[in-house]
Amino acid sequence: MIEGPNEKGQCWPQCVFFKCGNRYLKAQGEVIQCLWINDDCIGSSCSYALCVRGKMLMGNRCGLTIRRVTVETKRPANLELDGKLKSRLSKRIKDIDDLI
């Protein structure tokens, strides 16, 4: 058993996290067989296919391969607060000078 998706990024029956909702999977060497239809398992296109980690996405894609895109934000160099706003913020935030 292999952890994660195949080379194309799709869920497949050889994955450790792949599970049949009806509990009809049986591993016979390299082949994963569905005992319900007595044929090879068709993988994530089956309506009873589940991912133990909950990472199966639409289109038979594995969510373990998807990475979140983050954007780094930069603070402006010339950020100055007026006295009135700074006093209001200092009541809510103790170390206002560390933020600026």
Protein backbone atom coordinates (compact mmCIF):
# COMPACT_ATOMS: atom_id res chain seq x y z
CA MET A 1 0.00 0.00 0.00
CA ILE A 2 1.22 3.47 -0.90
CA GLU A 3 0.35 6.69 0.90
CA GLY A 4 -1.01 9.44 -1.30
CA PRO A 5 -2.12 9.80 -4.92
CA ASN A 6 -0.80 8.23 -8.09
CA GLU A 7 1.50 10.01 -10.57
CA LYS A 8 -1.40 11.98 -12.07
CA GLY A 9 -2.56 13.29 -8.67
CA GLN A 10 -5.67 11.12 -8.57
CA CYS A 11 -7.06 9.02 -5.74
CA TRP A 12 -6.61 5.31 -6.27
CA PRO A 13 -7.35 2.04 -4.45
CA GLN A 14 -3.67 1.35 -3.64
CA CYS A 15 -3.60 4.36 -1.30
CA VAL A 16 -3.50 3.67 2.44
CA PHE A 17 -6.31 6.18 3.02
CA PHE A 18 -8.66 4.76 0.35
CA LYS A 19 -11.69 2.94 1.74
CA CYS A 20 -14.86 1.36 0.41
CA GLY A 21 -18.06 2.57 2.03
CA ASN A 22 -19.58 -0.91 1.72
CA ARG A 23 -16.42 -2.67 3.00
CA TYR A 24 -16.08 -4.79 -0.14
CA LEU A 25 -12.39 -4.23 -0.92
CA LYS A 26 -9.94 -7.09 -0.87
CA ALA A 27 -6.25 -6.78 -1.67
CA GLN A 28 -4.84 -9.65 -3.71
CA GLY A 29 -1.19 -8.81 -4.27
CA GLU A 30 -0.98 -5.76 -6.56
CA VAL A 31 -4.68 -5.91 -7.48
CA ILE A 32 -7.44 -4.43 -5.32
CA GLN A 33 -10.64 -6.31 -5.97
CA CYS A 34 -14.24 -5.29 -5.31
CA LEU A 35 -16.09 -8.25 -3.85
CA TRP A 36 -19.46 -6.65 -4.58
CA ILE A 37 -19.09 -6.86 -8.37
CA ASN A 38 -16.29 -9.49 -8.40
CA ASP A 39 -14.03 -7.32 -10.53
CA ASP A 40 -11.13 -4.91 -10.11
CA CYS A 41 -11.88 -1.81 -8.05
CA ILE A 42 -12.56 1.22 -10.25
CA GLY A 43 -11.19 3.59 -7.62
CA SER A 44 -12.55 6.98 -6.72
CA SER A 45 -15.09 7.04 -9.55
CA CYS A 46 -17.11 4.49 -7.54
CA SER A 47 -19.96 6.03 -5.56
CA TYR A 48 -18.90 4.15 -2.41
CA ALA A 49 -15.26 5.31 -2.48
CA LEU A 50 -14.10 7.23 0.59
CA CYS A 51 -10.92 8.86 1.79
CA VAL A 52 -10.13 8.25 5.45
CA ARG A 53 -8.51 11.67 5.72
CA GLY A 54 -11.37 13.39 3.87
CA LYS A 55 -9.13 14.64 1.07
CA MET A 56 -10.94 13.23 -1.97
CA LEU A 57 -11.96 16.06 -4.28
CA MET A 58 -14.19 16.20 -7.32
CA GLY A 59 -12.74 14.86 -10.54
CA ASN A 60 -10.96 11.98 -8.74
CA ARG A 61 -8.28 14.38 -7.45
CA CYS A 62 -6.43 13.86 -4.21
CA GLY A 63 -6.44 16.80 -1.83
CA LEU A 64 -3.05 15.81 -0.45
CA THR A 65 -1.42 17.22 -3.59
CA ILE A 66 -3.18 20.59 -3.45
CA ARG A 67 -1.15 23.33 -1.81
CA ARG A 68 -2.58 26.54 -0.44
CA VAL A 69 -1.50 29.69 -2.24
CA THR A 70 -0.49 32.40 0.19
CA VAL A 71 0.44 35.97 -0.53
CA GLU A 72 3.01 37.75 1.57
CA THR A 73 1.88 41.15 2.73
CA LYS A 74 4.30 43.96 3.42
CA ARG A 75 3.74 46.78 5.84
CA PRO A 76 4.16 50.26 4.48
CA ALA A 77 7.43 51.86 5.59
CA ASN A 78 5.94 55.28 6.33
CA LEU A 79 3.00 54.27 8.53
CA GLU A 80 2.18 56.97 11.05
CA LEU A 81 -0.85 57.29 13.28
CA ASP A 82 -2.24 60.53 14.59
CA GLY A 83 -2.37 61.03 18.36
CA LYS A 84 -6.13 60.52 18.75
CA LEU A 85 -6.14 57.20 16.92
CA LYS A 86 -3.01 56.04 18.70
CA SER A 87 -4.57 56.69 22.12
CA ARG A 88 -7.68 54.70 21.17
CA LEU A 89 -5.62 51.79 19.93
CA SER A 90 -3.38 51.82 22.99
CA LYS A 91 -6.41 51.11 25.18
CA ARG A 92 -7.09 47.93 23.19
CA ILE A 93 -3.53 46.95 22.33
CA LYS A 94 -0.97 47.24 25.11
CA ASP A 95 2.22 47.44 23.08
CA ILE A 96 1.15 49.83 20.33
CA ASP A 97 4.73 51.03 19.77
CA ASP A 98 5.87 47.51 18.89
CA LEU A 99 3.29 47.35 16.07
CA ILE A 100 4.31 50.57 14.42
